[in-house]
């Protein structure tokens, strides 16, 4: 089992208790756990993170392997998550937004590969 990290995990770590200058051991731990195969994220989260001009953007930009790409195993799960979102009673605008952001792919990736999603939401 591996843990898939949402963008807000990285953002809150950087902004609150684990800033790069204050607690580099946290970021080293993430690298070590990724190397062991137990922590990762997805390319769409990386895209969100590298949009900034800060230490977190530079960290994410230098770790493409940490952020896995979508694969064929995710396809049926993307469809299932889309069906769920579309039939769960949410407003159409909320459904549309969800299907365009990383969370949609995080959930499908977790379902496809037996991972656990870690988020602050």
PDB file of N, CA and C in Angstrom:
ATOM      1  N   UNK A   1       0.849  -1.175   0.000  1.00  0.00           N
ATOM      2  CA  UNK A   1       0.000   0.000   0.000  1.00  0.00           C
ATOM      3  C   UNK A   1       0.896   1.239   0.000  1.00  0.00           C
ATOM      4  N   UNK A   2       0.473   2.220  -0.766  1.00  0.00           N
ATOM      5  CA  UNK A   2       1.190   3.499  -0.815  1.00  0.00           C
ATOM      6  C   UNK A   2       0.203   4.620  -0.518  1.00  0.00           C
ATOM      7  N   UNK A   3       0.752   5.760  -0.195  1.00  0.00           N
ATOM      8  CA  UNK A   3      -0.044   6.941   0.110  1.00  0.00           C
ATOM      9  C   UNK A   3       0.107   7.943  -1.024  1.00  0.00           C
ATOM     10  N   UNK A   4      -1.023   8.423  -1.544  1.00  0.00           N
ATOM     11  CA  UNK A   4      -1.057   9.447  -2.592  1.00  0.00           C
ATOM     12  C   UNK A   4      -1.358  10.780  -1.928  1.00  0.00           C
ATOM     13  N   UNK A   5      -0.453  11.736  -2.048  1.00  0.00           N
ATOM     14  CA  UNK A   5      -0.604  13.021  -1.369  1.00  0.00           C
ATOM     15  C   UNK A   5      -1.272  14.058  -2.259  1.00  0.00           C
ATOM     16  N   UNK A   6      -2.234  14.743  -1.690  1.00  0.00           N
ATOM     17  CA  UNK A   6      -2.915  15.837  -2.361  1.00  0.00           C
ATOM     18  C   UNK A   6      -2.046  17.099  -2.268  1.00  0.00           C
ATOM     19  N   UNK A   7      -2.299  18.048  -3.144  1.00  0.00           N
ATOM     20  CA  UNK A   7      -1.517  19.290  -3.182  1.00  0.00           C
ATOM     21  C   UNK A   7      -1.532  20.017  -1.840  1.00  0.00           C
ATOM     22  N   UNK A   8      -2.670  19.991  -1.156  1.00  0.00           N
ATOM     23  CA  UNK A   8      -2.748  20.749   0.091  1.00  0.00           C
ATOM     24  C   UNK A   8      -1.848  20.183   1.188  1.00  0.00           C
ATOM     25  N   UNK A   9      -1.464  18.926   1.091  1.00  0.00           N
ATOM     26  CA  UNK A   9      -0.519  18.361   2.063  1.00  0.00           C
ATOM     27  C   UNK A   9       0.829  19.055   1.927  1.00  0.00           C
ATOM     28  N   UNK A  10       1.289  19.210   0.708  1.00  0.00           N
ATOM     29  CA  UNK A  10       2.559  19.887   0.449  1.00  0.00           C
ATOM     30  C   UNK A  10       2.473  21.370   0.819  1.00  0.00           C
ATOM     31  N   UNK A  11       1.393  22.002   0.406  1.00  0.00           N
ATOM     32  CA  UNK A  11       1.233  23.442   0.619  1.00  0.00           C
ATOM     33  C   UNK A  11       1.178  23.767   2.108  1.00  0.00           C
ATOM     34  N   UNK A  12       0.363  23.032   2.854  1.00  0.00           N
ATOM     35  CA  UNK A  12       0.264  23.305   4.288  1.00  0.00           C
ATOM     36  C   UNK A  12       1.559  22.968   5.012  1.00  0.00           C
ATOM     37  N   UNK A  13       2.236  21.912   4.580  1.00  0.00           N
ATOM     38  CA  UNK A  13       3.528  21.585   5.200  1.00  0.00           C
ATOM     39  C   UNK A  13       4.497  22.749   5.024  1.00  0.00           C
ATOM     40  N   UNK A  14       4.575  23.256   3.800  1.00  0.00           N
ATOM     41  CA  UNK A  14       5.487  24.372   3.521  1.00  0.00           C
ATOM     42  C   UNK A  14       5.093  25.626   4.297  1.00  0.00           C
ATOM     43  N   UNK A  15       3.805  25.927   4.342  1.00  0.00           N
ATOM     44  CA  UNK A  15       3.339  27.181   4.935  1.00  0.00           C
ATOM     45  C   UNK A  15       3.232  27.154   6.460  1.00  0.00           C
ATOM     46  N   UNK A  16       3.089  25.978   7.046  1.00  0.00           N
ATOM     47  CA  UNK A  16       2.870  25.921   8.486  1.00  0.00           C
ATOM     48  C   UNK A  16       4.091  25.398   9.242  1.00  0.00           C
ATOM     49  N   UNK A  17       4.194  24.110   9.417  1.00  0.00           N
ATOM     50  CA  UNK A  17       5.174  23.547  10.350  1.00  0.00           C
ATOM     51  C   UNK A  17       6.447  22.987   9.726  1.00  0.00           C
ATOM     52  N   UNK A  18       6.463  22.795   8.418  1.00  0.00           N
ATOM     53  CA  UNK A  18       7.594  22.095   7.807  1.00  0.00           C
ATOM     54  C   UNK A  18       8.234  22.891   6.671  1.00  0.00           C
ATOM     55  N   UNK A  19       8.404  24.172   6.873  1.00  0.00           N
ATOM     56  CA  UNK A  19       9.051  25.009   5.872  1.00  0.00           C
ATOM     57  C   UNK A  19      10.420  24.466   5.505  1.00  0.00           C
ATOM     58  N   UNK A  20      10.829  24.714   4.284  1.00  0.00           N
ATOM     59  CA  UNK A  20      12.094  24.176   3.791  1.00  0.00           C
ATOM     60  C   UNK A  20      13.280  24.646   4.625  1.00  0.00           C
ATOM     61  N   UNK A  21      13.228  25.873   5.103  1.00  0.00           N
ATOM     62  CA  UNK A  21      14.344  26.404   5.885  1.00  0.00           C
ATOM     63  C   UNK A  21      14.297  25.949   7.338  1.00  0.00           C
ATOM     64  N   UNK A  22      13.117  25.633   7.840  1.00  0.00           N
ATOM     65  CA  UNK A  22      12.939  25.271   9.243  1.00  0.00           C
ATOM     66  C   UNK A  22      13.035  23.768   9.483  1.00  0.00           C
ATOM     67  N   UNK A  23      12.481  22.980   8.562  1.00  0.00           N
ATOM     68  CA  UNK A  23      12.417  21.533   8.778  1.00  0.00           C
ATOM     69  C   UNK A  23      12.740  20.766   7.495  1.00  0.00           C
ATOM     70  N   UNK A  24      13.972  20.861   7.026  1.00  0.00           N
ATOM     71  CA  UNK A  24      14.325  20.126   5.804  1.00  0.00           C
ATOM     72  C   UNK A  24      14.188  18.615   5.968  1.00  0.00           C
ATOM     73  N   UNK A  25      14.212  18.123   7.203  1.00  0.00           N
ATOM     74  CA  UNK A  25      14.092  16.678   7.436  1.00  0.00           C
ATOM     75  C   UNK A  25      12.755  16.143   6.933  1.00  0.00           C
ATOM     76  N   UNK A  26      11.700  16.934   6.989  1.00  0.00           N
ATOM     77  CA  UNK A  26      10.401  16.488   6.474  1.00  0.00           C
ATOM     78  C   UNK A  26      10.486  16.198   4.983  1.00  0.00           C
ATOM     79  N   UNK A  27      11.114  17.084   4.241  1.00  0.00           N
ATOM     80  CA  UNK A  27      11.213  16.942   2.790  1.00  0.00           C
ATOM     81  C   UNK A  27      12.147  15.795   2.433  1.00  0.00           C
ATOM     82  N   UNK A  28      13.185  15.603   3.245  1.00  0.00           N
ATOM     83  CA  UNK A  28      14.079  14.458   3.055  1.00  0.00           C
ATOM     84  C   UNK A  28      13.332  13.154   3.339  1.00  0.00           C
ATOM     85  N   UNK A  29      12.477  13.173   4.357  1.00  0.00           N
ATOM     86  CA  UNK A  29      11.661  12.004   4.689  1.00  0.00           C
ATOM     87  C   UNK A  29      10.734  11.660   3.530  1.00  0.00           C
ATOM     88  N   UNK A  30      10.104  12.678   2.932  1.00  0.00           N
ATOM     89  CA  UNK A  30       9.252  12.412   1.765  1.00  0.00           C
ATOM     90  C   UNK A  30      10.045  11.740   0.648  1.00  0.00           C
ATOM     91  N   UNK A  31      11.231  12.241   0.371  1.00  0.00           N
ATOM     92  CA  UNK A  31      12.085  11.635  -0.654  1.00  0.00           C
ATOM     93  C   UNK A  31      12.406  10.184  -0.308  1.00  0.00           C
ATOM     94  N   UNK A  32      12.732   9.923   0.939  1.00  0.00           N
ATOM     95  CA  UNK A  32      13.086   8.563   1.362  1.00  0.00           C
ATOM     96  C   UNK A  32      11.883   7.632   1.258  1.00  0.00           C
ATOM     97  N   UNK A  33      10.724   8.090   1.686  1.00  0.00           N
ATOM     98  CA  UNK A  33       9.523   7.261   1.612  1.00  0.00           C
ATOM     99  C   UNK A  33       9.108   7.030   0.165  1.00  0.00           C
ATOM    100  N   UNK A  34       9.322   8.022  -0.683  1.00  0.00           N
ATOM    101  CA  UNK A  34       9.039   7.813  -2.104  1.00  0.00           C
ATOM    102  C   UNK A  34       9.985   6.762  -2.684  1.00  0.00           C
ATOM    103  N   UNK A  35      11.246   6.854  -2.348  1.00  0.00           N
ATOM    104  CA  UNK A  35      12.228   5.880  -2.838  1.00  0.00           C
ATOM    105  C   UNK A  35      11.865   4.468  -2.379  1.00  0.00           C
ATOM    106  N   UNK A  36      11.241   4.354  -1.211  1.00  0.00           N
ATOM    107  CA  UNK A  36      10.804   3.056  -0.693  1.00  0.00           C
ATOM    108  C   UNK A  36       9.476   2.614  -1.305  1.00  0.00           C
ATOM    109  N   UNK A  37       8.844   3.494  -2.082  1.00  0.00           N
ATOM    110  CA  UNK A  37       7.588   3.140  -2.750  1.00  0.00           C
ATOM    111  C   UNK A  37       6.334   3.333  -1.920  1.00  0.00           C
ATOM    112  N   UNK A  38       6.434   4.053  -0.805  1.00  0.00           N
ATOM    113  CA  UNK A  38       5.257   4.182   0.050  1.00  0.00           C
ATOM    114  C   UNK A  38       4.583   5.549   0.006  1.00  0.00           C
ATOM    115  N   UNK A  39       5.210   6.543  -0.606  1.00  0.00           N
ATOM    116  CA  UNK A  39       4.616   7.880  -0.701  1.00  0.00           C
ATOM    117  C   UNK A  39       4.841   8.410  -2.108  1.00  0.00           C
ATOM    118  N   UNK A  40       3.801   8.981  -2.673  1.00  0.00           N
ATOM    119  CA  UNK A  40       3.891   9.575  -4.003  1.00  0.00           C
ATOM    120  C   UNK A  40       2.710  10.503  -4.196  1.00  0.00           C
ATOM    121  N   UNK A  41       2.672  11.113  -5.351  1.00  0.00           N
ATOM    122  CA  UNK A  41       1.518  11.907  -5.742  1.00  0.00           C
ATOM    123  C   UNK A  41       1.340  11.711  -7.243  1.00  0.00           C
ATOM    124  N   UNK A  42       0.544  12.565  -7.848  1.00  0.00           N
ATOM    125  CA  UNK A  42       0.266  12.429  -9.268  1.00  0.00           C
ATOM    126  C   UNK A  42       0.724  13.663 -10.024  1.00  0.00           C
ATOM    127  N   UNK A  43       0.884  13.514 -11.313  1.00  0.00           N
ATOM    128  CA  UNK A  43       1.393  14.601 -12.143  1.00  0.00           C
ATOM    129  C   UNK A  43       0.506  15.842 -12.108  1.00  0.00           C
ATOM    130  N   UNK A  44      -0.769  15.674 -11.924  1.00  0.00           N
ATOM    131  CA  UNK A  44      -1.660  16.845 -11.866  1.00  0.00           C
ATOM    132  C   UNK A  44      -1.458  17.651 -10.592  1.00  0.00           C
ATOM    133  N   UNK A  45      -1.086  16.999  -9.521  1.00  0.00           N
ATOM    134  CA  UNK A  45      -0.731  17.721  -8.294  1.00  0.00           C
ATOM    135  C   UNK A  45       0.561  18.495  -8.540  1.00  0.00           C
ATOM    136  N   UNK A  46       1.518  17.849  -9.181  1.00  0.00           N
ATOM    137  CA  UNK A  46       2.780  18.535  -9.508  1.00  0.00           C
ATOM    138  C   UNK A  46       2.505  19.785 -10.337  1.00  0.00           C
ATOM    139  N   UNK A  47       1.612  19.669 -11.317  1.00  0.00           N
ATOM    140  CA  UNK A  47       1.261  20.828 -12.139  1.00  0.00           C
ATOM    141  C   UNK A  47       0.747  21.979 -11.284  1.00  0.00           C
ATOM    142  N   UNK A  48      -0.055  21.663 -10.280  1.00  0.00           N
ATOM    143  CA  UNK A  48      -0.564  22.701  -9.375  1.00  0.00           C
ATOM    144  C   UNK A  48       0.578  23.332  -8.581  1.00  0.00           C
ATOM    145  N   UNK A  49       1.493  22.507  -8.118  1.00  0.00           N
ATOM    146  CA  UNK A  49       2.568  22.994  -7.255  1.00  0.00           C
ATOM    147  C   UNK A  49       3.594  23.830  -8.004  1.00  0.00           C
ATOM    148  N   UNK A  50       3.928  23.459  -9.221  1.00  0.00           N
ATOM    149  CA  UNK A  50       4.972  24.194  -9.936  1.00  0.00           C
ATOM    150  C   UNK A  50       4.450  25.495 -10.533  1.00  0.00           C
ATOM    151  N   UNK A  51       3.171  25.757 -10.366  1.00  0.00           N
ATOM    152  CA  UNK A  51       2.613  27.019 -10.840  1.00  0.00           C
ATOM    153  C   UNK A  51       3.064  28.222 -10.028  1.00  0.00           C
ATOM    154  N   UNK A  52       3.562  27.978  -8.835  1.00  0.00           N
ATOM    155  CA  UNK A  52       4.029  29.075  -7.994  1.00  0.00           C
ATOM    156  C   UNK A  52       5.494  29.385  -8.257  1.00  0.00           C
ATOM    157  N   UNK A  53       5.965  30.445  -7.631  1.00  0.00           N
ATOM    158  CA  UNK A  53       7.374  30.824  -7.756  1.00  0.00           C
ATOM    159  C   UNK A  53       7.959  30.825  -6.351  1.00  0.00           C
ATOM    160  N   UNK A  54       8.096  29.608  -5.797  1.00  0.00           N
ATOM    161  CA  UNK A  54       8.588  29.500  -4.425  1.00  0.00           C
ATOM    162  C   UNK A  54       9.372  28.208  -4.260  1.00  0.00           C
ATOM    163  N   UNK A  55       9.800  27.943  -3.025  1.00  0.00           N
ATOM    164  CA  UNK A  55      10.582  26.744  -2.736  1.00  0.00           C
ATOM    165  C   UNK A  55       9.812  25.470  -3.070  1.00  0.00           C
ATOM    166  N   UNK A  56       8.519  25.467  -2.813  1.00  0.00           N
ATOM    167  CA  UNK A  56       7.719  24.280  -3.094  1.00  0.00           C
ATOM    168  C   UNK A  56       7.655  24.008  -4.598  1.00  0.00           C
ATOM    169  N   UNK A  57       7.500  25.042  -5.389  1.00  0.00           N
ATOM    170  CA  UNK A  57       7.481  24.873  -6.846  1.00  0.00           C
ATOM    171  C   UNK A  57       8.809  24.301  -7.328  1.00  0.00           C
ATOM    172  N   UNK A  58       9.900  24.805  -6.788  1.00  0.00           N
ATOM    173  CA  UNK A  58      11.215  24.299  -7.191  1.00  0.00           C
ATOM    174  C   UNK A  58      11.419  22.858  -6.720  1.00  0.00           C
ATOM    175  N   UNK A  59      10.938  22.530  -5.511  1.00  0.00           N
ATOM    176  CA  UNK A  59      11.047  21.173  -4.999  1.00  0.00           C
ATOM    177  C   UNK A  59      10.277  20.210  -5.909  1.00  0.00           C
ATOM    178  N   UNK A  60       9.045  20.542  -6.211  1.00  0.00           N
ATOM    179  CA  UNK A  60       8.208  19.674  -7.051  1.00  0.00           C
ATOM    180  C   UNK A  60       8.765  19.573  -8.466  1.00  0.00           C
ATOM    181  N   UNK A  61       9.283  20.672  -8.982  1.00  0.00           N
ATOM    182  CA  UNK A  61       9.817  20.673 -10.344  1.00  0.00           C
ATOM    183  C   UNK A  61      11.027  19.749 -10.467  1.00  0.00           C
ATOM    184  N   UNK A  62      11.761  19.587  -9.393  1.00  0.00           N
ATOM    185  CA  UNK A  62      12.939  18.731  -9.414  1.00  0.00           C
ATOM    186  C   UNK A  62      12.668  17.277  -9.078  1.00  0.00           C
ATOM    187  N   UNK A  63      11.398  16.915  -8.941  1.00  0.00           N
ATOM    188  CA  UNK A  63      11.054  15.552  -8.536  1.00  0.00           C
ATOM    189  C   UNK A  63       9.936  14.970  -9.399  1.00  0.00           C
ATOM    190  N   UNK A  64      10.118  14.992 -10.688  1.00  0.00           N
ATOM    191  CA  UNK A  64       9.088  14.485 -11.598  1.00  0.00           C
ATOM    192  C   UNK A  64       8.712  13.038 -11.279  1.00  0.00           C
ATOM    193  N   UNK A  65       9.669  12.215 -10.880  1.00  0.00           N
ATOM    194  CA  UNK A  65       9.384  10.804 -10.592  1.00  0.00           C
ATOM    195  C   UNK A  65       8.476  10.629  -9.377  1.00  0.00           C
ATOM    196  N   UNK A  66       8.465  11.603  -8.472  1.00  0.00           N
ATOM    197  CA  UNK A  66       7.612  11.543  -7.284  1.00  0.00           C
ATOM    198  C   UNK A  66       6.140  11.607  -7.682  1.00  0.00           C
ATOM    199  N   UNK A  67       5.875  12.233  -8.819  1.00  0.00           N
ATOM    200  CA  UNK A  67       4.510  12.506  -9.272  1.00  0.00           C
ATOM    201  C   UNK A  67       4.184  11.607 -10.468  1.00  0.00           C
ATOM    202  N   UNK A  68       3.493  10.505 -10.207  1.00  0.00           N
ATOM    203  CA  UNK A  68       3.228   9.507 -11.238  1.00  0.00           C
ATOM    204  C   UNK A  68       2.186   9.996 -12.237  1.00  0.00           C
ATOM    205  N   UNK A  69       2.313   9.495 -13.447  1.00  0.00           N
ATOM    206  CA  UNK A  69       1.369   9.838 -14.513  1.00  0.00           C
ATOM    207  C   UNK A  69       0.191   8.867 -14.497  1.00  0.00           C
ATOM    208  N   UNK A  70      -0.912   9.319 -15.056  1.00  0.00           N
ATOM    209  CA  UNK A  70      -2.074   8.449 -15.205  1.00  0.00           C
ATOM    210  C   UNK A  70      -1.690   7.267 -16.092  1.00  0.00           C
ATOM    211  N   UNK A  71      -2.277   6.119 -15.799  1.00  0.00           N
ATOM    212  CA  UNK A  71      -1.988   4.925 -16.590  1.00  0.00           C
ATOM    213  C   UNK A  71      -3.290   4.248 -17.002  1.00  0.00           C
ATOM    214  N   UNK A  72      -3.222   3.283 -17.904  1.00  0.00           N
ATOM    215  CA  UNK A  72      -4.438   2.635 -18.397  1.00  0.00           C
ATOM    216  C   UNK A  72      -5.286   1.980 -17.300  1.00  0.00           C
ATOM    217  N   UNK A  73      -4.666   1.535 -16.218  1.00  0.00           N
ATOM    218  CA  UNK A  73      -5.429   0.908 -15.130  1.00  0.00           C
ATOM    219  C   UNK A  73      -6.407   1.871 -14.490  1.00  0.00           C
ATOM    220  N   UNK A  74      -6.152   3.173 -14.635  1.00  0.00           N
ATOM    221  CA  UNK A  74      -7.023   4.177 -14.025  1.00  0.00           C
ATOM    222  C   UNK A  74      -8.300   4.423 -14.821  1.00  0.00           C
ATOM    223  N   UNK A  75      -8.313   4.083 -16.099  1.00  0.00           N
ATOM    224  CA  UNK A  75      -9.437   4.439 -16.968  1.00  0.00           C
ATOM    225  C   UNK A  75     -10.796   3.995 -16.432  1.00  0.00           C
ATOM    226  N   UNK A  76     -10.994   2.730 -16.073  1.00  0.00           N
ATOM    227  CA  UNK A  76     -12.324   2.368 -15.563  1.00  0.00           C
ATOM    228  C   UNK A  76     -12.668   3.082 -14.263  1.00  0.00           C
ATOM    229  N   UNK A  77     -11.660   3.420 -13.477  1.00  0.00           N
ATOM    230  CA  UNK A  77     -11.902   4.109 -12.215  1.00  0.00           C
ATOM    231  C   UNK A  77     -12.223   5.584 -12.447  1.00  0.00           C
ATOM    232  N   UNK A  78     -11.613   6.186 -13.449  1.00  0.00           N
ATOM    233  CA  UNK A  78     -11.990   7.551 -13.819  1.00  0.00           C
ATOM    234  C   UNK A  78     -13.453   7.581 -14.221  1.00  0.00           C
ATOM    235  N   UNK A  79     -13.874   6.594 -14.979  1.00  0.00           N
ATOM    236  CA  UNK A  79     -15.275   6.520 -15.399  1.00  0.00           C
ATOM    237  C   UNK A  79     -16.192   6.328 -14.198  1.00  0.00           C
ATOM    238  N   UNK A  80     -15.801   5.455 -13.269  1.00  0.00           N
ATOM    239  CA  UNK A  80     -16.625   5.205 -12.089  1.00  0.00           C
ATOM    240  C   UNK A  80     -16.721   6.444 -11.196  1.00  0.00           C
ATOM    241  N   UNK A  81     -15.616   7.142 -11.014  1.00  0.00           N
ATOM    242  CA  UNK A  81     -15.624   8.352 -10.184  1.00  0.00           C
ATOM    243  C   UNK A  81     -16.469   9.429 -10.865  1.00  0.00           C
ATOM    244  N   UNK A  82     -16.368   9.531 -12.170  1.00  0.00           N
ATOM    245  CA  UNK A  82     -17.189  10.491 -12.914  1.00  0.00           C
ATOM    246  C   UNK A  82     -18.670  10.175 -12.750  1.00  0.00           C
ATOM    247  N   UNK A  83     -19.033   8.907 -12.870  1.00  0.00           N
ATOM    248  CA  UNK A  83     -20.443   8.501 -12.680  1.00  0.00           C
ATOM    249  C   UNK A  83     -20.906   8.843 -11.275  1.00  0.00           C
ATOM    250  N   UNK A  84     -20.064   8.534 -10.281  1.00  0.00           N
ATOM    251  CA  UNK A  84     -20.436   8.830  -8.900  1.00  0.00           C
ATOM    252  C   UNK A  84     -20.668  10.326  -8.719  1.00  0.00           C
ATOM    253  N   UNK A  85     -19.745  11.145  -9.196  1.00  0.00           N
ATOM    254  CA  UNK A  85     -19.869  12.598  -9.027  1.00  0.00           C
ATOM    255  C   UNK A  85     -21.117  13.118  -9.716  1.00  0.00           C
ATOM    256  N   UNK A  86     -21.429  12.552 -10.859  1.00  0.00           N
ATOM    257  CA  UNK A  86     -22.566  13.024 -11.647  1.00  0.00           C
ATOM    258  C   UNK A  86     -23.906  12.603 -11.062  1.00  0.00           C
ATOM    259  N   UNK A  87     -23.925  11.583 -10.227  1.00  0.00           N
ATOM    260  CA  UNK A  87     -25.201  11.084  -9.691  1.00  0.00           C
ATOM    261  C   UNK A  87     -25.342  11.285  -8.186  1.00  0.00           C
ATOM    262  N   UNK A  88     -24.408  12.000  -7.572  1.00  0.00           N
ATOM    263  CA  UNK A  88     -24.423  12.161  -6.112  1.00  0.00           C
ATOM    264  C   UNK A  88     -25.202  13.393  -5.649  1.00  0.00           C
ATOM    265  N   UNK A  89     -25.841  14.091  -6.576  1.00  0.00           N
ATOM    266  CA  UNK A  89     -26.664  15.232  -6.197  1.00  0.00           C
ATOM    267  C   UNK A  89     -25.930  16.559  -6.127  1.00  0.00           C
ATOM    268  N   UNK A  90     -24.729  16.635  -6.648  1.00  0.00           N
ATOM    269  CA  UNK A  90     -23.976  17.881  -6.645  1.00  0.00           C
ATOM    270  C   UNK A  90     -24.453  18.786  -7.780  1.00  0.00           C
ATOM    271  N   UNK A  91     -24.236  20.078  -7.608  1.00  0.00           N
ATOM    272  CA  UNK A  91     -24.557  21.047  -8.647  1.00  0.00           C
ATOM    273  C   UNK A  91     -23.676  20.793  -9.874  1.00  0.00           C
ATOM    274  N   UNK A  92     -24.209  21.013 -11.067  1.00  0.00           N
ATOM    275  CA  UNK A  92     -23.422  20.781 -12.284  1.00  0.00           C
ATOM    276  C   UNK A  92     -22.079  21.533 -12.299  1.00  0.00           C
ATOM    277  N   UNK A  93     -22.058  22.748 -11.797  1.00  0.00           N
ATOM    278  CA  UNK A  93     -20.801  23.517 -11.782  1.00  0.00           C
ATOM    279  C   UNK A  93     -19.766  22.847 -10.877  1.00  0.00           C
ATOM    280  N   UNK A  94     -20.207  22.314  -9.738  1.00  0.00           N
ATOM    281  CA  UNK A  94     -19.291  21.626  -8.825  1.00  0.00           C
ATOM    282  C   UNK A  94     -18.764  20.339  -9.456  1.00  0.00           C
ATOM    283  N   UNK A  95     -19.623  19.623 -10.139  1.00  0.00           N
ATOM    284  CA  UNK A  95     -19.210  18.390 -10.826  1.00  0.00           C
ATOM    285  C   UNK A  95     -18.174  18.725 -11.887  1.00  0.00           C
ATOM    286  N   UNK A  96     -18.447  19.738 -12.680  1.00  0.00           N
ATOM    287  CA  UNK A  96     -17.535  20.146 -13.741  1.00  0.00           C
ATOM    288  C   UNK A  96     -16.165  20.535 -13.177  1.00  0.00           C
ATOM    289  N   UNK A  97     -16.162  21.273 -12.094  1.00  0.00           N
ATOM    290  CA  UNK A  97     -14.904  21.682 -11.460  1.00  0.00           C
ATOM    291  C   UNK A  97     -14.141  20.458 -10.956  1.00  0.00           C
ATOM    292  N   UNK A  98     -14.840  19.566 -10.268  1.00  0.00           N
ATOM    293  CA  UNK A  98     -14.202  18.366  -9.728  1.00  0.00           C
ATOM    294  C   UNK A  98     -13.542  17.540 -10.827  1.00  0.00           C
ATOM    295  N   UNK A  99     -14.208  17.399 -11.954  1.00  0.00           N
ATOM    296  CA  UNK A  99     -13.693  16.567 -13.037  1.00  0.00           C
ATOM    297  C   UNK A  99     -12.503  17.207 -13.763  1.00  0.00           C
ATOM    298  N   UNK A 100     -12.196  18.451 -13.432  1.00  0.00           N
ATOM    299  CA  UNK A 100     -11.079  19.134 -14.076  1.00  0.00           C
ATOM    300  C   UNK A 100      -9.864  19.324 -13.177  1.00  0.00           C
ATOM    301  N   UNK A 101      -9.975  18.938 -11.928  1.00  0.00           N
ATOM    302  CA  UNK A 101      -8.865  19.165 -10.999  1.00  0.00           C
ATOM    303  C   UNK A 101      -8.219  17.851 -10.582  1.00  0.00           C
ATOM    304  N   UNK A 102      -7.116  17.959  -9.882  1.00  0.00           N
ATOM    305  CA  UNK A 102      -6.308  16.794  -9.513  1.00  0.00           C
ATOM    306  C   UNK A 102      -7.061  15.794  -8.641  1.00  0.00           C
ATOM    307  N   UNK A 103      -7.984  16.255  -7.824  1.00  0.00           N
ATOM    308  CA  UNK A 103      -8.688  15.354  -6.904  1.00  0.00           C
ATOM    309  C   UNK A 103      -9.348  14.183  -7.632  1.00  0.00           C
ATOM    310  N   UNK A 104      -9.918  14.437  -8.771  1.00  0.00           N
ATOM    311  CA  UNK A 104     -10.563  13.416  -9.586  1.00  0.00           C
ATOM    312  C   UNK A 104      -9.560  12.309  -9.924  1.00  0.00           C
ATOM    313  N   UNK A 105      -8.367  12.696 -10.318  1.00  0.00           N
ATOM    314  CA  UNK A 105      -7.331  11.741 -10.683  1.00  0.00           C
ATOM    315  C   UNK A 105      -6.716  11.068  -9.459  1.00  0.00           C
ATOM    316  N   UNK A 106      -6.629  11.787  -8.349  1.00  0.00           N
ATOM    317  CA  UNK A 106      -6.140  11.181  -7.110  1.00  0.00           C
ATOM    318  C   UNK A 106      -7.041  10.023  -6.690  1.00  0.00           C
ATOM    319  N   UNK A 107      -8.330  10.251  -6.709  1.00  0.00           N
ATOM    320  CA  UNK A 107      -9.281   9.215  -6.290  1.00  0.00           C
ATOM    321  C   UNK A 107      -9.207   8.022  -7.240  1.00  0.00           C
ATOM    322  N   UNK A 108      -9.207   8.284  -8.529  1.00  0.00           N
ATOM    323  CA  UNK A 108      -9.134   7.189  -9.502  1.00  0.00           C
ATOM    324  C   UNK A 108      -7.823   6.416  -9.379  1.00  0.00           C
ATOM    325  N   UNK A 109      -6.730   7.124  -9.170  1.00  0.00           N
ATOM    326  CA  UNK A 109      -5.436   6.457  -8.994  1.00  0.00           C
ATOM    327  C   UNK A 109      -5.402   5.594  -7.748  1.00  0.00           C
ATOM    328  N   UNK A 110      -5.989   6.099  -6.679  1.00  0.00           N
ATOM    329  CA  UNK A 110      -6.043   5.322  -5.439  1.00  0.00           C
ATOM    330  C   UNK A 110      -6.881   4.061  -5.630  1.00  0.00           C
ATOM    331  N   UNK A 111      -8.016   4.191  -6.291  1.00  0.00           N
ATOM    332  CA  UNK A 111      -8.855   3.026  -6.554  1.00  0.00           C
ATOM    333  C   UNK A 111      -8.146   2.016  -7.456  1.00  0.00           C
ATOM    334  N   UNK A 112      -7.476   2.495  -8.476  1.00  0.00           N
ATOM    335  CA  UNK A 112      -6.831   1.607  -9.446  1.00  0.00           C
ATOM    336  C   UNK A 112      -5.677   0.819  -8.843  1.00  0.00           C
ATOM    337  N   UNK A 113      -4.979   1.425  -7.893  1.00  0.00           N
ATOM    338  CA  UNK A 113      -3.752   0.804  -7.404  1.00  0.00           C
ATOM    339  C   UNK A 113      -3.761   0.466  -5.914  1.00  0.00           C
ATOM    340  N   UNK A 114      -4.914   0.623  -5.269  1.00  0.00           N
ATOM    341  CA  UNK A 114      -5.012   0.284  -3.854  1.00  0.00           C
ATOM    342  C   UNK A 114      -4.267   1.225  -2.937  1.00  0.00           C
ATOM    343  N   UNK A 115      -4.131   2.491  -3.352  1.00  0.00           N
ATOM    344  CA  UNK A 115      -3.443   3.489  -2.537  1.00  0.00           C
ATOM    345  C   UNK A 115      -4.433   4.184  -1.600  1.00  0.00           C
ATOM    346  N   UNK A 116      -3.896   4.910  -0.658  1.00  0.00           N
ATOM    347  CA  UNK A 116      -4.680   5.718   0.268  1.00  0.00           C
ATOM    348  C   UNK A 116      -4.428   7.184  -0.057  1.00  0.00           C
ATOM    349  N   UNK A 117      -5.500   7.952  -0.217  1.00  0.00           N
ATOM    350  CA  UNK A 117      -5.372   9.384  -0.488  1.00  0.00           C
ATOM    351  C   UNK A 117      -5.168  10.102   0.849  1.00  0.00           C
ATOM    352  N   UNK A 118      -4.173  10.991   0.879  1.00  0.00           N
ATOM    353  CA  UNK A 118      -3.915  11.831   2.049  1.00  0.00           C
ATOM    354  C   UNK A 118      -4.201  13.265   1.635  1.00  0.00           C
ATOM    355  N   UNK A 119      -5.135  13.894   2.357  1.00  0.00           N
ATOM    356  CA  UNK A 119      -5.539  15.257   2.035  1.00  0.00           C
ATOM    357  C   UNK A 119      -5.948  15.979   3.315  1.00  0.00           C
ATOM    358  N   UNK A 120      -6.005  17.293   3.246  1.00  0.00           N
ATOM    359  CA  UNK A 120      -6.515  18.090   4.359  1.00  0.00           C
ATOM    360  C   UNK A 120      -7.959  18.494   4.116  1.00  0.00           C
ATOM    361  N   UNK A 121      -8.553  18.021   3.041  1.00  0.00           N
ATOM    362  CA  UNK A 121      -9.950  18.380   2.732  1.00  0.00           C
ATOM    363  C   UNK A 121     -10.895  17.440   3.427  1.00  0.00           C
TER     364      UNK A 121
END
